[in-house]
Amino acid sequence: MEHILSSCSTALTQGRQRWRHDQVLQEMADILERQRMQKRKQPQPKTIHFVKEGQPTP
């Protein structure tokens, strides 16, 4: 990604600004997707079972 963002003069002279733009967006999308999937893998919080007064606990 560093090369893509470094304003490579060859890419600029060849008119590949859109390609560079799309590559940056793709890299960002990949990073965000990895982060989203990582957060999904976290364990869910335990459920709290409330018991009415006078009822036996399970």
Protein backbone atom coordinates (compact mmCIF):
# COMPACT_ATOMS: atom_id res chain seq x y z
CA MET A 1 0.00 0.00 0.00
CA GLU A 2 2.91 2.36 0.64
CA HIS A 3 3.87 2.29 -3.05
CA ILE A 4 0.27 2.95 -4.11
CA LEU A 5 0.03 6.00 -1.86
CA SER A 6 3.50 7.33 -2.69
CA SER A 7 2.35 9.07 -5.91
CA CYS A 8 4.46 6.87 -8.16
CA SER A 9 5.49 9.19 -11.02
CA THR A 10 5.29 6.36 -13.59
CA ALA A 11 1.68 5.65 -12.72
CA LEU A 12 0.85 9.35 -12.85
CA THR A 13 2.48 9.90 -16.26
CA GLN A 14 0.65 6.86 -17.67
CA GLY A 15 -2.70 8.21 -16.51
CA ARG A 16 -3.33 5.47 -13.96
CA GLN A 17 -4.79 7.74 -11.29
CA ARG A 18 -8.07 5.79 -11.30
CA TRP A 19 -6.18 2.51 -10.93
CA ARG A 20 -4.30 3.95 -7.94
CA HIS A 21 -7.54 5.24 -6.45
CA ASP A 22 -9.20 1.85 -6.86
CA GLN A 23 -6.20 0.05 -5.35
CA VAL A 24 -6.31 2.27 -2.26
CA LEU A 25 -10.03 1.63 -1.86
CA GLN A 26 -9.53 -2.13 -2.28
CA GLU A 27 -6.79 -2.20 0.35
CA MET A 28 -8.93 -0.23 2.78
CA ALA A 29 -11.91 -2.52 2.14
CA ASP A 30 -9.75 -5.59 2.80
CA ILE A 31 -8.49 -4.15 6.09
CA LEU A 32 -11.99 -3.23 7.21
CA GLU A 33 -13.33 -6.68 6.29
CA ARG A 34 -10.58 -8.41 8.30
CA GLN A 35 -11.39 -6.21 11.29
CA ARG A 36 -15.12 -6.92 10.93
CA MET A 37 -14.54 -10.66 10.82
CA GLN A 38 -12.21 -10.49 13.83
CA LYS A 39 -14.87 -8.77 15.90
CA ARG A 40 -17.40 -11.47 14.98
CA LYS A 41 -15.14 -14.17 16.41
CA GLN A 42 -15.23 -12.67 19.90
CA PRO A 43 -17.22 -14.73 22.39
CA GLN A 44 -20.72 -13.55 23.13
CA PRO A 45 -21.38 -12.26 26.65
CA LYS A 46 -22.93 -14.79 29.00
CA THR A 47 -26.66 -14.56 29.50
CA ILE A 48 -27.89 -13.64 32.95
CA HIS A 49 -30.81 -15.78 34.13
CA PHE A 50 -32.95 -13.88 36.59
CA VAL A 51 -34.88 -15.83 39.23
CA LYS A 52 -38.02 -14.51 40.87
CA GLU A 53 -37.95 -14.14 44.60
CA GLY A 54 -38.73 -17.41 46.33
CA GLN A 55 -38.03 -19.54 43.25
CA PRO A 56 -35.24 -22.13 43.36
CA THR A 57 -32.16 -21.42 41.26
CA PRO A 58 -31.63 -23.76 38.31
